[in-house]
C-alpha atoms as a PDB file:
ATOM      1  CA  MET A   1      -1.370   7.017  -1.814  1.00  0.00           C
ATOM      2  CA  CYS A   2      -5.079   6.603  -2.623  1.00  0.00           C
ATOM      3  CA  CYS A   3      -4.450   3.903  -5.252  1.00  0.00           C
ATOM      4  CA  LEU A   4      -5.423   0.311  -4.699  1.00  0.00           C
ATOM      5  CA  ILE A   5      -2.725  -1.661  -2.990  1.00  0.00           C
ATOM      6  CA  SER A   6      -2.254  -3.847  -6.366  1.00  0.00           C
ATOM      7  CA  ALA A   7      -1.556  -0.318  -8.202  1.00  0.00           C
ATOM      8  CA  GLY A   8       1.025   0.914  -5.919  1.00  0.00           C
ATOM      9  CA  GLY A   9      -0.708   2.669  -3.203  1.00  0.00           C
ATOM     10  CA  LEU A  10      -1.793   2.667   0.276  1.00  0.00           C
ATOM     11  CA  ASN A  11      -5.512   1.867  -0.259  1.00  0.00           C
ATOM     12  CA  LEU A  12      -6.611   5.096   1.405  1.00  0.00           C
ATOM     13  CA  ILE A  13      -9.882   6.302   0.206  1.00  0.00           C
ATOM     14  CA  GLN A  14     -10.796   9.252  -2.153  1.00  0.00           C
ATOM     15  CA  LEU A  15     -13.072  11.040  -0.148  1.00  0.00           C
ATOM     16  CA  GLN A  16     -14.486  13.074  -3.113  1.00  0.00           C
ATOM     17  CA  LYS A  17     -15.074   9.773  -5.101  1.00  0.00           C
ATOM     18  CA  TRP A  18     -16.457   8.043  -2.240  1.00  0.00           C
ATOM     19  CA  ASN A  19     -19.000  10.440  -1.586  1.00  0.00           C
ATOM     20  CA  GLN A  20     -19.967  10.487  -5.369  1.00  0.00           C
ATOM     21  CA  ALA A  21     -20.439   6.679  -4.825  1.00  0.00           C
ATOM     22  CA  ALA A  22     -22.607   7.133  -1.607  1.00  0.00           C
ATOM     23  CA  VAL A  23     -24.887   9.828  -3.589  1.00  0.00           C
ATOM     24  CA  ALA A  24     -24.908   7.429  -6.422  1.00  0.00           C
ATOM     25  CA  LYS A  25     -26.091   4.391  -3.946  1.00  0.00           C
ATOM     26  CA  LEU A  26     -29.062   7.082  -2.988  1.00  0.00           C
ATOM     27  CA  CYS A  27     -30.095   7.154  -6.430  1.00  0.00           C
ATOM     28  CA  TRP A  28     -30.072   3.543  -7.202  1.00  0.00           C
ATOM     29  CA  ASP A  29     -32.127   3.503  -4.067  1.00  0.00           C
ATOM     30  CA  LEU A  30     -34.735   5.942  -5.549  1.00  0.00           C
ATOM     31  CA  ALA A  31     -34.744   3.535  -8.796  1.00  0.00           C
ATOM     32  CA  HIS A  32     -35.178   0.041  -7.036  1.00  0.00           C
ATOM     33  CA  LYS A  33     -36.963   0.444  -3.834  1.00  0.00           C
ATOM     34  CA  GLU A  34     -40.712   1.797  -3.347  1.00  0.00           C
ATOM     35  CA  ASP A  35     -40.974   1.339   0.314  1.00  0.00           C
ATOM     36  CA  LYS A  36     -39.461   4.212   1.906  1.00  0.00           C
ATOM     37  CA  LEU A  37     -41.354   7.516   2.763  1.00  0.00           C
ATOM     38  CA  TRP A  38     -38.505   9.907   1.124  1.00  0.00           C
ATOM     39  CA  ILE A  39     -38.379   7.839  -2.197  1.00  0.00           C
ATOM     40  CA  LYS A  40     -42.289   8.091  -2.340  1.00  0.00           C
ATOM     41  CA  TRP A  41     -42.352  11.831  -1.861  1.00  0.00           C
ATOM     42  CA  ILE A  42     -39.573  12.500  -4.734  1.00  0.00           C
ATOM     43  CA  HIS A  43     -41.364  10.278  -7.170  1.00  0.00           C
ATOM     44  CA  THR A  44     -44.576  11.994  -6.263  1.00  0.00           C
ATOM     45  CA  TYR A  45     -43.494  15.463  -6.122  1.00  0.00           C
ATOM     46  CA  TYR A  46     -40.548  15.495  -8.933  1.00  0.00           C
ATOM     47  CA  ILE A  47     -39.977  12.357 -10.793  1.00  0.00           C
ATOM     48  CA  LYS A  48     -43.622  11.608 -11.275  1.00  0.00           C
ATOM     49  CA  ASP A  49     -44.404   9.415 -14.615  1.00  0.00           C
ATOM     50  CA  GLN A  50     -40.997  10.172 -15.969  1.00  0.00           C
ATOM     51  CA  GLN A  51     -38.159   7.534 -16.289  1.00  0.00           C
ATOM     52  CA  LEU A  52     -35.612   8.411 -13.706  1.00  0.00           C
ATOM     53  CA  GLY A  53     -32.803   8.425 -16.479  1.00  0.00           C
ATOM     54  CA  ASP A  54     -34.696  11.082 -18.885  1.00  0.00           C
ATOM     55  CA  CYS A  55     -36.474  13.304 -15.945  1.00  0.00           C
ATOM     56  CA  VAL A  56     -35.622  16.958 -15.819  1.00  0.00           C
ATOM     57  CA  ILE A  57     -33.919  18.041 -12.595  1.00  0.00           C
ATOM     58  CA  PRO A  58     -36.338  20.717 -11.115  1.00  0.00           C
ATOM     59  CA  GLN A  59     -35.045  23.933 -10.142  1.00  0.00           C
ATOM     60  CA  GLN A  60     -37.066  24.268  -7.348  1.00  0.00           C
ATOM     61  CA  ALA A  61     -35.805  20.815  -5.563  1.00  0.00           C
ATOM     62  CA  SER A  62     -33.597  21.111  -2.661  1.00  0.00           C
ATOM     63  CA  TRP A  63     -29.374  21.096  -3.403  1.00  0.00           C
ATOM     64  CA  MET A  64     -29.750  17.666  -1.825  1.00  0.00           C
ATOM     65  CA  THR A  65     -32.300  16.261  -4.222  1.00  0.00           C
ATOM     66  CA  LYS A  66     -30.445  17.936  -6.971  1.00  0.00           C
ATOM     67  CA  LYS A  67     -27.273  15.969  -6.127  1.00  0.00           C
ATOM     68  CA  ILE A  68     -29.172  12.590  -5.967  1.00  0.00           C
ATOM     69  CA  LEU A  69     -30.894  13.038  -9.206  1.00  0.00           C
ATOM     70  CA  ALA A  70     -27.719  14.289 -11.084  1.00  0.00           C
ATOM     71  CA  SER A  71     -25.748  11.190  -9.836  1.00  0.00           C
ATOM     72  CA  ARG A  72     -27.940   8.881 -11.993  1.00  0.00           C
ATOM     73  CA  TYR A  73     -25.500   9.256 -14.713  1.00  0.00           C
ATOM     74  CA  ILE A  74     -22.856   7.450 -12.368  1.00  0.00           C
ATOM     75  CA  MET A  75     -25.244   5.085 -11.685  1.00  0.00           C
ATOM     76  CA  LEU A  76     -26.613   4.185 -15.130  1.00  0.00           C
ATOM     77  CA  GLN A  77     -22.819   4.076 -16.510  1.00  0.00           C
ATOM     78  CA  SER A  78     -21.601   1.773 -13.419  1.00  0.00           C
ATOM     79  CA  TYR A  79     -21.740  -2.257 -13.887  1.00  0.00           C
ATOM     80  CA  LEU A  80     -23.510  -3.726 -11.089  1.00  0.00           C
ATOM     81  CA  PRO A  81     -23.343  -7.705 -11.177  1.00  0.00           C
ATOM     82  CA  SER A  82     -25.421  -7.925  -7.804  1.00  0.00           C
ATOM     83  CA  PRO A  83     -22.948  -8.980  -5.567  1.00  0.00           C
ATOM     84  CA  GLN A  84     -23.628 -10.679  -2.250  1.00  0.00           C
ATOM     85  CA  HIS A  85     -22.441  -9.337   0.712  1.00  0.00           C
ATOM     86  CA  GLN A  86     -20.471  -6.448  -0.863  1.00  0.00           C
ATOM     87  CA  SER A  87     -20.960  -2.806  -0.253  1.00  0.00           C
ATOM     88  CA  MET A  88     -23.023  -1.329  -3.156  1.00  0.00           C
ATOM     89  CA  ILE A  89     -21.193   2.147  -2.453  1.00  0.00           C
ATOM     90  CA  ARG A  90     -17.806   0.319  -2.591  1.00  0.00           C
ATOM     91  CA  THR A  91     -18.687  -1.197  -5.979  1.00  0.00           C
ATOM     92  CA  PHE A  92     -19.465   2.153  -7.416  1.00  0.00           C
ATOM     93  CA  TYR A  93     -16.635   3.712  -5.821  1.00  0.00           C
ATOM     94  CA  LEU A  94     -13.936   0.948  -7.651  1.00  0.00           C
ATOM     95  CA  GLN A  95     -15.678   1.799 -11.087  1.00  0.00           C
ATOM     96  CA  LEU A  96     -15.194   5.420 -10.275  1.00  0.00           C
ATOM     97  CA  ILE A  97     -11.266   5.036  -9.918  1.00  0.00           C
ATOM     98  CA  GLY A  98     -11.430   2.936 -12.692  1.00  0.00           C
ATOM     99  CA  ASP A  99      -8.682  -0.110 -13.571  1.00  0.00           C
ATOM    100  CA  LEU A 100      -5.134   1.272 -12.690  1.00  0.00           C
ATOM    101  CA  PRO A 101      -1.892  -0.561 -13.862  1.00  0.00           C
ATOM    102  CA  ARG A 102      -0.827  -2.947 -11.307  1.00  0.00           C
ATOM    103  CA  VAL A 103       2.848  -2.902  -9.843  1.00  0.00           C
ATOM    104  CA  GLN A 104       4.853  -5.970  -9.884  1.00  0.00           C
ATOM    105  CA  TRP A 105       5.988  -5.271  -6.203  1.00  0.00           C
ATOM    106  CA  LYS A 106       2.330  -5.773  -4.921  1.00  0.00           C
ATOM    107  CA  CYS A 107       3.108  -9.401  -3.536  1.00  0.00           C
ATOM    108  CA  LEU A 108       5.558  -7.611  -1.037  1.00  0.00           C
ATOM    109  CA  LYS A 109       2.688  -5.606   0.169  1.00  0.00           C
ATOM    110  CA  PHE A 110      -0.570  -8.225   0.435  1.00  0.00           C
ATOM    111  CA  GLY A 111      -0.622  -9.820   3.993  1.00  0.00           C
ATOM    112  CA  ASN A 112       2.377  -8.273   5.132  1.00  0.00           C
ATOM    113  CA  LYS A 113       2.611  -8.716   8.953  1.00  0.00           C
ATOM    114  CA  ALA A 114       5.560  -6.422   9.651  1.00  0.00           C
ATOM    115  CA  ARG A 115       5.303  -3.287  11.809  1.00  0.00           C
ATOM    116  CA  PRO A 116       3.075  -0.402   9.772  1.00  0.00           C
ATOM    117  CA  LYS A 117       5.937   1.788   9.950  1.00  0.00           C
ATOM    118  CA  ALA A 118       8.307  -0.776   8.370  1.00  0.00           C
ATOM    119  CA  CYS A 119       5.474  -1.567   5.874  1.00  0.00           C
ATOM    120  CA  PHE A 120       5.176   2.306   4.864  1.00  0.00           C
ATOM    121  CA  VAL A 121       9.127   2.748   4.613  1.00  0.00           C
ATOM    122  CA  MET A 122       9.479  -0.323   2.567  1.00  0.00           C
ATOM    123  CA  TRP A 123       6.657   1.178   0.284  1.00  0.00           C
ATOM    124  CA  LEU A 124       8.585   4.176  -0.217  1.00  0.00           C
ATOM    125  CA  CYS A 125      11.765   2.422  -0.954  1.00  0.00           C
ATOM    126  CA  LEU A 126      10.494   0.431  -3.419  1.00  0.00           C
ATOM    127  CA  GLN A 127       9.473   3.306  -5.502  1.00  0.00           C
ATOM    128  CA  GLN A 128      12.411   5.163  -4.626  1.00  0.00           C
ATOM    129  CA  ARG A 129      10.989   7.827  -2.728  1.00  0.00           C
ATOM    130  CA  LEU A 130      13.142   7.893   0.539  1.00  0.00           C
ATOM    131  CA  LEU A 131      15.337  11.304   1.100  1.00  0.00           C
ATOM    132  CA  THR A 132      18.484   9.646   0.224  1.00  0.00           C
ATOM    133  CA  ALA A 133      21.482  11.932  -0.564  1.00  0.00           C
ATOM    134  CA  ASP A 134      21.393  11.475  -3.978  1.00  0.00           C
ATOM    135  CA  ARG A 135      17.681  12.850  -4.314  1.00  0.00           C
ATOM    136  CA  LEU A 136      18.328  15.794  -1.953  1.00  0.00           C
ATOM    137  CA  LEU A 137      21.309  17.009  -4.148  1.00  0.00           C
ATOM    138  CA  LYS A 138      19.019  16.765  -7.205  1.00  0.00           C
ATOM    139  CA  TRP A 139      16.699  19.424  -5.323  1.00  0.00           C
ATOM    140  CA  ASP A 140      19.833  21.592  -4.492  1.00  0.00           C
ATOM    141  CA  ILE A 141      19.511  20.802  -0.763  1.00  0.00           C
ATOM    142  CA  GLU A 142      23.089  20.643   0.975  1.00  0.00           C
ATOM    143  CA  ALA A 143      24.005  17.104   1.963  1.00  0.00           C
ATOM    144  CA  SER A 144      26.855  14.963   2.189  1.00  0.00           C
ATOM    145  CA  PRO A 145      27.218  12.434  -0.904  1.00  0.00           C
ATOM    146  CA  THR A 146      28.791   9.766   0.812  1.00  0.00           C
ATOM    147  CA  CYS A 147      27.261   6.768   2.256  1.00  0.00           C
ATOM    148  CA  VAL A 148      27.253   7.172   6.253  1.00  0.00           C
ATOM    149  CA  MET A 149      27.117   3.764   6.513  1.00  0.00           C
ATOM    150  CA  CYS A 150      30.159   2.453   5.018  1.00  0.00           C
ATOM    151  CA  GLN A 151      31.657   5.743   4.456  1.00  0.00           C
ATOM    152  CA  GLN A 152      32.941   4.824   1.105  1.00  0.00           C
ATOM    153  CA  ASP A 153      30.400   5.424  -1.957  1.00  0.00           C
ATOM    154  CA  PRO A 154      27.981   7.942  -2.887  1.00  0.00           C
ATOM    155  CA  GLU A 155      24.551   6.962  -1.216  1.00  0.00           C
ATOM    156  CA  SER A 156      21.416   6.280  -3.477  1.00  0.00           C
ATOM    157  CA  HIS A 157      18.593   3.645  -2.916  1.00  0.00           C
ATOM    158  CA  GLU A 158      20.515   1.323  -4.815  1.00  0.00           C
ATOM    159  CA  HIS A 159      23.700   1.628  -2.755  1.00  0.00           C
ATOM    160  CA  LEU A 160      22.168   1.732   0.775  1.00  0.00           C
ATOM    161  CA  PHE A 161      19.935  -1.370   0.316  1.00  0.00           C
ATOM    162  CA  VAL A 162      21.871  -3.543  -2.308  1.00  0.00           C
ATOM    163  CA  THR A 163      25.577  -2.856  -2.690  1.00  0.00           C
ATOM    164  CA  CYS A 164      26.730  -1.139   0.625  1.00  0.00           C
ATOM    165  CA  THR A 165      28.829  -3.577   2.751  1.00  0.00           C
ATOM    166  CA  VAL A 166      26.458  -3.085   5.745  1.00  0.00           C
ATOM    167  CA  ALA A 167      23.625  -3.743   3.732  1.00  0.00           C
ATOM    168  CA  LYS A 168      24.918  -6.900   2.306  1.00  0.00           C
ATOM    169  CA  THR A 169      26.134  -7.842   5.589  1.00  0.00           C
ATOM    170  CA  LEU A 170      22.577  -7.730   7.338  1.00  0.00           C
ATOM    171  CA  TRP A 171      20.691  -9.014   4.583  1.00  0.00           C
ATOM    172  CA  ALA A 172      22.906 -12.105   4.890  1.00  0.00           C
ATOM    173  CA  LYS A 173      22.701 -12.719   8.543  1.00  0.00           C
ATOM    174  CA  VAL A 174      19.044 -12.319   8.351  1.00  0.00           C
ATOM    175  CA  LEU A 175      18.390 -14.464   5.288  1.00  0.00           C
ATOM    176  CA  ARG A 176      20.461 -17.285   6.506  1.00  0.00           C
ATOM    177  CA  TRP A 177      18.829 -17.298  10.032  1.00  0.00           C
ATOM    178  CA  SER A 178      15.123 -17.199   8.234  1.00  0.00           C
ATOM    179  CA  ASN A 179      16.558 -19.758   5.949  1.00  0.00           C
ATOM    180  CA  ASN A 180      15.586 -17.859   2.814  1.00  0.00           C
ATOM    181  CA  GLN A 181      17.700 -17.646  -0.491  1.00  0.00           C
ATOM    182  CA  LEU A 182      20.681 -15.234   0.084  1.00  0.00           C
ATOM    183  CA  CYS A 183      20.567 -12.158  -2.086  1.00  0.00           C
ATOM    184  CA  ILE A 184      22.905 -12.050  -4.999  1.00  0.00           C
ATOM    185  CA  ALA A 185      21.807  -8.903  -6.548  1.00  0.00           C
ATOM    186  CA  THR A 186      24.023  -6.127  -7.524  1.00  0.00           C
ATOM    187  CA  THR A 187      21.443  -3.420  -8.977  1.00  0.00           C
ATOM    188  CA  TRP A 188      18.109  -2.064  -8.026  1.00  0.00           C
ATOM    189  CA  ASN A 189      16.409  -3.965 -10.760  1.00  0.00           C
ATOM    190  CA  GLU A 190      17.896  -7.243  -9.586  1.00  0.00           C
ATOM    191  CA  PHE A 191      17.200  -6.800  -6.081  1.00  0.00           C
ATOM    192  CA  VAL A 192      13.464  -5.854  -6.561  1.00  0.00           C
ATOM    193  CA  GLN A 193      12.904  -8.707  -8.693  1.00  0.00           C
ATOM    194  CA  TRP A 194      14.772 -10.982  -6.001  1.00  0.00           C
ATOM    195  CA  GLY A 195      12.149  -9.724  -3.543  1.00  0.00           C
ATOM    196  CA  ILE A 196       9.241 -10.449  -5.969  1.00  0.00           C
ATOM    197  CA  SER A 197       9.961 -13.711  -6.838  1.00  0.00           C
ATOM    198  CA  SER A 198      10.849 -14.509  -3.054  1.00  0.00           C
ATOM    199  CA  ALA A 199       7.470 -13.115  -1.842  1.00  0.00           C
ATOM    200  CA  LYS A 200       5.212 -15.096  -4.432  1.00  0.00           C
ATOM    201  CA  GLY A 201       2.743 -17.535  -3.403  1.00  0.00           C
ATOM    202  CA  LYS A 202       1.162 -18.414  -0.276  1.00  0.00           C
ATOM    203  CA  ALA A 203       3.838 -20.859   1.128  1.00  0.00           C
ATOM    204  CA  GLN A 204       4.821 -19.897   4.686  1.00  0.00           C
ATOM    205  CA  GLN A 205       8.319 -19.345   3.441  1.00  0.00           C
ATOM    206  CA  ALA A 206       7.042 -16.594   1.346  1.00  0.00           C
ATOM    207  CA  GLN A 207       4.836 -15.045   3.987  1.00  0.00           C
ATOM    208  CA  LEU A 208       7.768 -14.885   6.218  1.00  0.00           C
ATOM    209  CA  PHE A 209      10.000 -13.536   3.737  1.00  0.00           C
ATOM    210  CA  LYS A 210       7.915 -10.451   3.412  1.00  0.00           C
ATOM    211  CA  MET A 211       7.682  -9.758   6.884  1.00  0.00           C
ATOM    212  CA  VAL A 212      11.643  -9.761   6.962  1.00  0.00           C
ATOM    213  CA  PHE A 213      11.983  -7.982   3.855  1.00  0.00           C
ATOM    214  CA  ALA A 214      10.080  -5.081   5.060  1.00  0.00           C
ATOM    215  CA  GLU A 215      11.996  -4.926   8.726  1.00  0.00           C
ATOM    216  CA  CYS A 216      15.346  -5.457   6.930  1.00  0.00           C
ATOM    217  CA  THR A 217      14.115  -2.563   4.784  1.00  0.00           C
ATOM    218  CA  TYR A 218      13.253  -0.507   7.977  1.00  0.00           C
ATOM    219  CA  ALA A 219      16.329  -1.256  10.058  1.00  0.00           C
ATOM    220  CA  LEU A 220      18.553  -0.210   7.469  1.00  0.00           C
ATOM    221  CA  TRP A 221      16.850   3.303   7.143  1.00  0.00           C
ATOM    222  CA  THR A 222      16.520   3.869  10.606  1.00  0.00           C
ATOM    223  CA  GLU A 223      20.180   2.789  11.391  1.00  0.00           C
ATOM    224  CA  ARG A 224      21.338   5.310   8.438  1.00  0.00           C
ATOM    225  CA  ASN A 225      19.295   7.883   9.952  1.00  0.00           C
ATOM    226  CA  GLN A 226      20.681   7.471  13.539  1.00  0.00           C
ATOM    227  CA  ARG A 227      24.071   7.477  12.341  1.00  0.00           C
ATOM    228  CA  LEU A 228      23.618  10.679  10.126  1.00  0.00           C
ATOM    229  CA  PHE A 229      21.699  12.664  12.969  1.00  0.00           C
ATOM    230  CA  GLU A 230      22.196  11.280  16.266  1.00  0.00           C
ATOM    231  CA  SER A 231      25.750  10.119  15.706  1.00  0.00           C
ATOM    232  CA  THR A 232      25.188   6.791  17.243  1.00  0.00           C
ATOM    233  CA  SER A 233      25.673   3.416  15.738  1.00  0.00           C
ATOM    234  CA  ARG A 234      24.814  -0.161  16.287  1.00  0.00           C
ATOM    235  CA  HIS A 235      26.688  -3.229  14.964  1.00  0.00           C
ATOM    236  CA  VAL A 236      25.222  -5.448  12.369  1.00  0.00           C
ATOM    237  CA  ASP A 237      24.744  -8.445  14.394  1.00  0.00           C
ATOM    238  CA  GLN A 238      22.903  -6.488  16.971  1.00  0.00           C
ATOM    239  CA  LEU A 239      20.673  -5.005  14.245  1.00  0.00           C
ATOM    240  CA  ALA A 240      20.316  -8.654  13.131  1.00  0.00           C
ATOM    241  CA  LYS A 241      19.232 -10.134  16.520  1.00  0.00           C
ATOM    242  CA  ASP A 242      17.072  -7.015  16.903  1.00  0.00           C
ATOM    243  CA  LEU A 243      15.411  -7.900  13.736  1.00  0.00           C
ATOM    244  CA  ALA A 244      14.827 -11.478  14.331  1.00  0.00           C
ATOM    245  CA  VAL A 245      13.070 -10.777  17.810  1.00  0.00           C
ATOM    246  CA  ILE A 246      10.810  -8.521  16.053  1.00  0.00           C
ATOM    247  CA  CYS A 247       9.735 -10.855  13.773  1.00  0.00           C
ATOM    248  CA  THR A 248       9.392 -13.510  16.115  1.00  0.00           C
ATOM    249  CA  VAL A 249       6.868 -11.356  17.961  1.00  0.00           C
ATOM    250  CA  ARG A 250       5.018 -10.320  15.352  1.00  0.00           C
ATOM    251  CA  VAL A 251       4.549 -13.455  13.384  1.00  0.00           C
ATOM    252  CA  PRO A 252       1.124 -14.928  13.048  1.00  0.00           C
ATOM    253  CA  PRO A 253       0.077 -18.427  14.837  1.00  0.00           C
ATOM    254  CA  GLY A 254       0.299 -20.241  11.760  1.00  0.00           C
ATOM    255  CA  LEU A 255       4.067 -19.484  11.127  1.00  0.00           C
ATOM    256  CA  GLN A 256       5.258 -19.479  14.870  1.00  0.00           C
ATOM    257  CA  THR A 257       6.282 -23.258  14.735  1.00  0.00           C
ATOM    258  CA  LEU A 258       8.442 -22.505  11.592  1.00  0.00           C
ATOM    259  CA  ILE A 259       9.749 -19.337  13.024  1.00  0.00           C
ATOM    260  CA  HIS A 260      10.739 -20.889  16.377  1.00  0.00           C
ATOM    261  CA  SER A 261      12.712 -23.877  14.518  1.00  0.00           C
ATOM    262  CA  PHE A 262      15.240 -21.238  13.174  1.00  0.00           C
ATOM    263  CA  GLN A 263      18.368 -20.710  15.173  1.00  0.00           C
ATOM    264  CA  PHE A 264      20.613 -17.583  14.889  1.00  0.00           C
END
């Protein structure tokens, strides 16, 4: 979750590494600024005439001073291109977490205007981390293996979002409404690749597709949960209409003309 969005995370900050980066920023100030009173004090009493990278950390120094001096190795090992208008702490932080492999479906997350809860469910879905029946059974948790949506096949991510008759019908109605290419995928990998290819680029249709993809994924998952835990259901037509209303309300100003031209 603390990885960058491009690496498949939620871009949450790793507080331990952020604190290390913040202390490294203080060490950078110690090496490059001389007009601060606390910097003059440390240079006078601890560093003296030594180089910051070679000086011995004095044992009598306070724990805060020791932490700042110890972080010099982070500062010295980091490459600082001296960017303008960019936080130096963030620069240190990004170098501490390193370069992580990027996921192919990152384009579905970047700039997605869907509801946060829909984006979160889509994020779990793309990693196949939702608690579908097949996953629960692998953990020896008692659950019915049959899909509660169609009452025909075993439930899995591939079935629930790709091959289930309810999912197929909902995708077809929503994609036809939004003038997107119909999904003809029959496997999970084909489904993900279809989503990636449709969401790439900065075109208005691609931006709208990201939101539709996330909201449709969320609608299928919540409908599944309502049928399973509350024994209530909605017709696919109603699901599609509700989804269209949500997308119309949340669409950014630049896409309002496009989405208002659609007819359900």
